[in-house]
Amino acid sequence: MFPSLLSTAFAATVTLLVVVEGQQINRCYSCATGSLNRRWAITQLRSSKNIVFDTTQQKKCSSLNEEDVYLVNCTSPCMDLVFEDPDATTQGDNGETLLYVRGCHSELTGVSNANVQSPDYQDGQFCEYDDSWNTFKCDGSMATIKANFRLCTGNKCNNHKGVDGTGICAHATVNDRQCFECEKVNGECRNKNRDPATRKAKRYCTKTHAKIDGTHTYYVTQSNSDINLFRIPNYCSTARQTTTPIGGLASAHAQVTQCVCSDQDRCNSAGISSFIFVLFAPMLSLII
C-alpha cells in the first residue's frame, strides 16, 4: 500500500516538475529610475505593481550588482529599456542623463508570447537601438532621444548599463519602412506637408491613440521607430494609463492604444480601429 502511494506521489512530483520546467522561470530585476514615478507615460510601457522606484533604495537601478531587493520571478523574458531623459536640462558625466526601466517583459507590455527564438537572439539576448527614438516630454511636446531595448533569458540578465548601438544592438537597414509622422488632437493626421518619403526610414511604423477620461478629447500620434517594445511584428495593445497629452496639458488618465507594424511602407496610415482590424484579421480568419 505504502509503496503504491509513494509511487503515485513520485509520479505526481515528476509531472509537476515537467510542467514547471516547460515554463521557464527567469529571475529578473524589476526597478526603475525614481523620477519616472511622476512621468511613467514617457516610457511607453504599462504600469507595474512590481516595479520598485530606486528613490526608495540605496542602490540605483542604473548600477546593479546582485541586488536581490529588486529581483522577481518572471515567466516571460527579462527586459530593460534605457533611454536619454527627454526632460533633462543638464547633462551627466558622459554628456547624457539616462533613465532605466527593468522588469518582466509580459508585465510591462501585456505580451505573453514575445518571439525569443528568432535569429536575432544571440546567446539568450536580443537588442534594438534607436538613435532618434520619439517620445514625449512632460510638457506634451515631442523629443527625439537615444534608446536601447533589450530582452534576455536567464537569471539576473537584465542589468545592462548605458545606451549602445554596437554589437547585437547594431541596426540593419534592410527592412526599413517609410512611415507617416504627425501628432494631432481630435483627428487623424492628414498633414501632406510631411511627406513620408522625405523622412528617415526605420524598422517599424507606430500609432498611438489616447482617449482622455471624462472628455471627448483624443490624441493621435503617428511615428516611426527602430525599437519594438512588444517584440511582435504587427501588434496593438490597449491599457489604461496616465498619459501626457499633446499640447502641454497636465497628465491625465486615458485609455491608450499603442500599435506597431512593419509589413509595408506607411502601414500606420489607417484609423486606429481599422489598424487593429487589419492586424488581427488573419487570426480571425484562422479562428473562423
Protein backbone atom coordinates (compact mmCIF):
# COMPACT_ATOMS: atom_id res chain seq x y z
CA MET A 1 0.00 0.00 0.00
CA PHE A 2 2.66 2.50 1.03
CA PRO A 3 4.91 1.73 -1.98
CA SER A 4 1.89 2.35 -4.20
CA LEU A 5 1.20 5.71 -2.55
CA LEU A 6 4.87 6.66 -2.79
CA SER A 7 4.93 5.74 -6.47
CA THR A 8 1.85 7.86 -7.09
CA ALA A 9 3.31 10.79 -5.17
CA PHE A 10 6.61 10.46 -7.02
CA ALA A 11 4.84 10.39 -10.39
CA ALA A 12 2.83 13.48 -9.47
CA THR A 13 6.01 15.26 -8.40
CA VAL A 14 7.73 14.40 -11.67
CA THR A 15 4.70 15.64 -13.62
CA LEU A 16 4.73 18.90 -11.66
CA LEU A 17 8.43 19.37 -12.30
CA VAL A 18 7.93 18.79 -16.01
CA VAL A 19 5.15 21.41 -16.12
CA VAL A 20 7.28 23.94 -14.27
CA GLU A 21 10.29 23.14 -16.42
CA GLY A 22 8.17 23.65 -19.55
CA GLN A 23 7.50 27.22 -18.44
CA GLN A 24 10.90 28.72 -17.78
CA ILE A 25 11.15 30.96 -14.74
CA ASN A 26 13.60 33.85 -15.05
CA ARG A 27 14.84 35.81 -12.06
CA CYS A 28 14.68 39.38 -13.32
CA TYR A 29 15.49 42.77 -11.87
CA SER A 30 12.34 44.88 -11.54
CA CYS A 31 13.13 48.54 -10.94
CA ALA A 32 13.07 51.99 -12.50
CA THR A 33 14.74 55.36 -12.15
CA GLY A 34 12.97 57.24 -9.37
CA SER A 35 11.94 60.29 -11.41
CA LEU A 36 9.86 58.07 -13.73
CA ASN A 37 7.36 57.61 -10.91
CA ARG A 38 5.93 61.03 -11.82
CA ARG A 39 6.08 60.64 -15.62
CA TRP A 40 5.72 56.96 -16.43
CA ALA A 41 3.98 57.72 -19.74
CA ILE A 42 7.27 58.66 -21.42
CA THR A 43 8.43 55.02 -21.14
CA GLN A 44 5.59 53.89 -23.47
CA LEU A 45 5.18 50.86 -21.18
CA ARG A 46 2.37 49.63 -18.96
CA SER A 47 2.49 50.44 -15.29
CA SER A 48 3.57 47.60 -13.00
CA LYS A 49 2.92 46.91 -9.33
CA ASN A 50 6.22 45.04 -9.11
CA ILE A 51 8.37 47.96 -10.24
CA VAL A 52 10.45 49.43 -7.42
CA PHE A 53 11.49 53.04 -7.99
CA ASP A 54 15.07 53.41 -6.86
CA THR A 55 14.41 56.51 -4.73
CA THR A 56 13.34 54.06 -2.01
CA GLN A 57 16.58 52.05 -2.16
CA GLN A 58 20.27 52.74 -1.59
CA LYS A 59 21.30 51.04 -4.83
CA LYS A 60 20.28 52.72 -8.08
CA CYS A 61 18.53 50.84 -10.87
CA SER A 62 21.20 52.10 -13.25
CA SER A 63 24.01 50.22 -11.50
CA LEU A 64 23.15 46.74 -10.26
CA ASN A 65 25.43 44.20 -8.63
CA GLU A 66 23.49 41.19 -7.37
CA GLU A 67 20.90 43.40 -5.63
CA ASP A 68 18.29 40.83 -4.55
CA VAL A 69 15.94 43.56 -3.34
CA TYR A 70 14.94 44.16 -6.97
CA LEU A 71 14.56 40.51 -8.04
CA VAL A 72 11.21 38.98 -9.07
CA ASN A 73 10.15 35.76 -10.81
CA CYS A 74 9.14 36.13 -14.47
CA THR A 75 7.55 33.57 -16.78
CA SER A 76 8.48 35.84 -19.70
CA PRO A 77 11.93 37.11 -20.74
CA CYS A 78 13.57 39.81 -18.66
CA MET A 79 13.82 43.24 -20.27
CA ASP A 80 15.49 46.56 -19.82
CA LEU A 81 14.81 49.88 -21.52
CA VAL A 82 17.50 52.53 -21.23
CA PHE A 83 17.00 55.96 -22.77
CA GLU A 84 18.10 59.56 -22.53
CA ASP A 85 15.96 61.79 -20.34
CA PRO A 86 13.84 63.94 -22.72
CA ASP A 87 13.26 66.47 -19.92
CA ALA A 88 16.91 66.79 -18.86
CA THR A 89 18.14 70.38 -18.56
CA THR A 90 21.69 69.41 -17.58
CA GLN A 91 23.87 66.66 -18.95
CA GLY A 92 25.52 63.88 -16.94
CA ASP A 93 29.18 62.95 -16.71
CA ASN A 94 29.09 61.24 -20.10
CA GLY A 95 27.24 64.05 -21.84
CA GLU A 96 23.86 62.43 -21.21
CA THR A 97 21.34 61.68 -18.49
CA LEU A 98 19.90 58.18 -18.72
CA LEU A 99 16.66 56.66 -17.43
CA TYR A 100 16.28 52.93 -16.67
CA VAL A 101 13.35 50.50 -16.61
CA ARG A 102 13.89 46.81 -15.83
CA GLY A 103 11.35 44.06 -15.31
CA CYS A 104 9.27 41.21 -16.75
CA HIS A 105 8.54 41.82 -20.42
CA SER A 106 5.00 40.40 -20.28
CA GLU A 107 4.05 42.56 -17.31
CA LEU A 108 5.37 45.78 -18.84
CA THR A 109 3.90 45.23 -22.32
CA GLY A 110 0.94 42.87 -21.94
CA VAL A 111 2.59 40.45 -24.40
CA SER A 112 2.78 36.84 -23.22
CA ASN A 113 4.29 35.31 -26.36
CA ALA A 114 7.22 37.51 -27.36
CA ASN A 115 9.40 35.85 -30.00
CA VAL A 116 12.56 34.62 -28.30
CA GLN A 117 13.51 32.03 -30.92
CA SER A 118 14.35 34.30 -33.87
CA PRO A 119 17.82 34.52 -35.45
CA ASP A 120 18.11 37.99 -33.89
CA TYR A 121 18.57 36.30 -30.50
CA GLN A 122 22.24 35.76 -29.68
CA ASP A 123 23.39 33.92 -26.56
CA GLY A 124 19.97 34.38 -24.96
CA GLN A 125 19.85 38.12 -25.67
CA PHE A 126 18.05 40.42 -28.10
CA CYS A 127 18.71 44.13 -28.53
CA GLU A 128 17.41 47.08 -30.53
CA TYR A 129 18.85 50.60 -30.68
CA ASP A 130 17.31 53.85 -31.90
CA ASP A 131 19.44 56.97 -32.21
CA SER A 132 16.33 59.17 -32.57
CA TRP A 133 13.59 57.46 -30.55
CA ASN A 134 10.39 59.53 -30.43
CA THR A 135 8.80 60.13 -27.05
CA PHE A 136 7.06 62.93 -25.17
CA LYS A 137 8.42 65.48 -22.78
CA CYS A 138 6.42 66.30 -19.66
CA ASP A 139 5.04 69.42 -21.39
CA GLY A 140 3.50 67.29 -24.14
CA SER A 141 5.98 68.21 -26.88
CA MET A 142 7.84 65.55 -28.83
CA ALA A 143 11.52 64.78 -28.30
CA THR A 144 14.00 62.52 -30.11
CA ILE A 145 16.50 60.70 -27.92
CA LYS A 146 18.82 57.70 -27.96
CA ALA A 147 17.42 54.45 -26.55
CA ASN A 148 18.17 50.74 -26.09
CA PHE A 149 15.63 47.94 -25.65
CA ARG A 150 16.89 44.51 -24.59
CA LEU A 151 15.34 41.11 -23.89
CA CYS A 152 17.15 38.22 -22.26
CA THR A 153 16.52 34.84 -20.66
CA GLY A 154 18.25 33.61 -17.53
CA ASN A 155 18.81 34.86 -14.01
CA LYS A 156 19.79 38.48 -13.32
CA CYS A 157 20.45 39.05 -17.02
CA ASN A 158 18.73 42.44 -17.39
CA ASN A 159 21.49 44.50 -15.79
CA HIS A 160 22.83 46.35 -18.82
CA LYS A 161 24.25 49.84 -18.46
CA GLY A 162 24.22 52.72 -20.90
CA VAL A 163 22.91 53.15 -24.45
CA ASP A 164 24.82 51.16 -27.04
CA GLY A 165 24.35 50.87 -30.80
CA THR A 166 27.10 48.32 -31.45
CA GLY A 167 27.35 44.53 -31.39
CA ILE A 168 23.98 42.77 -31.25
CA CYS A 169 22.36 46.21 -30.84
CA ALA A 170 23.68 47.43 -34.21
CA HIS A 171 20.89 48.38 -36.62
CA ALA A 172 20.45 46.73 -40.02
CA THR A 173 18.53 48.88 -42.54
CA VAL A 174 17.48 46.06 -44.86
CA ASN A 175 13.82 46.07 -43.70
CA ASP A 176 13.37 49.79 -43.00
CA ARG A 177 9.96 51.34 -43.71
CA GLN A 178 8.70 54.80 -44.62
CA CYS A 179 6.06 55.88 -42.09
CA PHE A 180 3.61 58.71 -41.52
CA GLU A 181 4.73 61.05 -38.73
CA CYS A 182 2.38 63.52 -37.07
CA GLU A 183 0.65 64.48 -33.83
CA LYS A 184 -2.95 65.67 -33.86
CA VAL A 185 -5.73 66.47 -31.37
CA ASN A 186 -9.23 65.12 -32.10
CA GLY A 187 -8.45 63.86 -35.59
CA GLU A 188 -6.28 61.71 -37.79
CA CYS A 189 -3.07 63.17 -39.15
CA ARG A 190 -3.51 64.45 -42.68
CA ASN A 191 -0.51 66.78 -42.92
CA LYS A 192 0.53 66.46 -46.55
CA ASN A 193 3.49 68.77 -45.97
CA ARG A 194 5.24 66.00 -44.05
CA ASP A 195 5.77 63.60 -46.93
CA PRO A 196 6.89 60.20 -45.57
CA ALA A 197 9.33 59.89 -48.47
CA THR A 198 11.37 62.78 -47.05
CA ARG A 199 11.54 61.35 -43.54
CA LYS A 200 14.12 58.95 -42.12
CA ALA A 201 13.12 55.32 -42.66
CA LYS A 202 13.07 52.99 -39.65
CA ARG A 203 12.23 49.35 -38.94
CA TYR A 204 8.71 49.96 -37.59
CA CYS A 205 5.78 52.33 -38.04
CA THR A 206 3.83 53.22 -34.90
CA LYS A 207 0.49 54.74 -33.98
CA THR A 208 -0.83 55.73 -30.57
CA HIS A 209 -4.42 56.72 -29.73
CA ALA A 210 -5.21 58.19 -26.30
CA LYS A 211 -8.82 58.90 -25.21
CA ILE A 212 -8.84 61.17 -22.16
CA ASP A 213 -11.23 60.09 -19.37
CA GLY A 214 -14.39 62.18 -18.93
CA THR A 215 -13.91 64.13 -22.16
CA HIS A 216 -14.44 63.82 -25.90
CA THR A 217 -10.77 64.63 -26.44
CA TYR A 218 -8.39 62.19 -28.03
CA TYR A 219 -4.83 62.41 -29.24
CA VAL A 220 -3.27 60.58 -32.16
CA THR A 221 0.45 60.18 -32.70
CA GLN A 222 1.91 58.59 -35.83
CA SER A 223 5.63 57.98 -35.86
CA ASN A 224 8.40 55.50 -36.61
CA SER A 225 10.90 53.59 -34.52
CA ASP A 226 13.85 51.23 -34.63
CA ILE A 227 12.54 49.76 -31.35
CA ASN A 228 9.54 47.47 -30.99
CA LEU A 229 8.79 47.12 -27.28
CA PHE A 230 6.22 44.36 -27.95
CA ARG A 231 8.67 42.12 -29.87
CA ILE A 232 5.83 41.11 -32.21
CA PRO A 233 6.00 42.43 -35.82
CA ASN A 234 2.39 43.70 -36.10
CA TYR A 235 0.63 44.26 -32.81
CA CYS A 236 -1.73 46.52 -30.83
CA SER A 237 -2.00 46.82 -27.07
CA THR A 238 -4.68 48.70 -25.12
CA ALA A 239 -4.33 49.67 -21.48
CA ARG A 240 -5.47 52.29 -19.03
CA GLN A 241 -2.57 54.66 -18.44
CA THR A 242 -1.65 58.02 -17.06
CA THR A 243 -0.53 59.89 -20.15
CA THR A 244 0.95 63.27 -21.05
CA PRO A 245 -1.36 64.74 -23.71
CA ILE A 246 -0.10 66.64 -26.73
CA GLY A 247 -0.15 70.38 -26.18
CA GLY A 248 1.28 70.69 -22.69
CA LEU A 249 -1.74 69.81 -20.56
CA ALA A 250 -1.29 68.17 -17.17
CA SER A 251 -1.00 64.39 -17.09
CA ALA A 252 -4.38 62.72 -17.40
CA HIS A 253 -5.94 59.27 -17.12
CA ALA A 254 -6.70 57.77 -20.51
CA GLN A 255 -7.45 54.65 -22.49
CA VAL A 256 -4.30 54.28 -24.59
CA THR A 257 -3.94 52.02 -27.63
CA GLN A 258 -0.42 51.57 -29.00
CA CYS A 259 0.18 49.84 -32.33
CA VAL A 260 3.29 48.85 -34.23
CA CYS A 261 3.59 47.45 -37.76
CA SER A 262 6.32 46.59 -40.23
CA ASP A 263 4.63 44.68 -43.05
CA GLN A 264 4.66 47.57 -45.57
CA ASP A 265 5.53 51.25 -46.01
CA ARG A 266 3.09 53.73 -44.36
CA CYS A 267 1.28 50.89 -42.59
CA ASN A 268 0.35 53.34 -39.79
CA SER A 269 -1.90 55.42 -42.06
CA ALA A 270 -5.24 53.77 -41.18
CA GLY A 271 -7.60 54.84 -38.42
CA ILE A 272 -6.93 53.08 -35.13
CA SER A 273 -10.00 50.79 -35.37
CA SER A 274 -9.11 49.81 -38.94
CA PHE A 275 -5.50 49.41 -37.86
CA ILE A 276 -6.46 46.91 -35.17
CA PHE A 277 -8.81 45.02 -37.53
CA VAL A 278 -6.14 44.71 -40.22
CA LEU A 279 -3.62 43.38 -37.69
CA PHE A 280 -6.00 40.80 -36.21
CA ALA A 281 -7.93 39.81 -39.37
CA PRO A 282 -5.53 36.92 -40.17
CA MET A 283 -6.10 35.45 -36.71
CA LEU A 284 -9.88 35.88 -37.02
CA SER A 285 -9.89 34.05 -40.35
CA LEU A 286 -7.98 31.19 -38.74
CA ILE A 287 -10.45 31.02 -35.86
CA ILE A 288 -13.47 31.12 -38.18
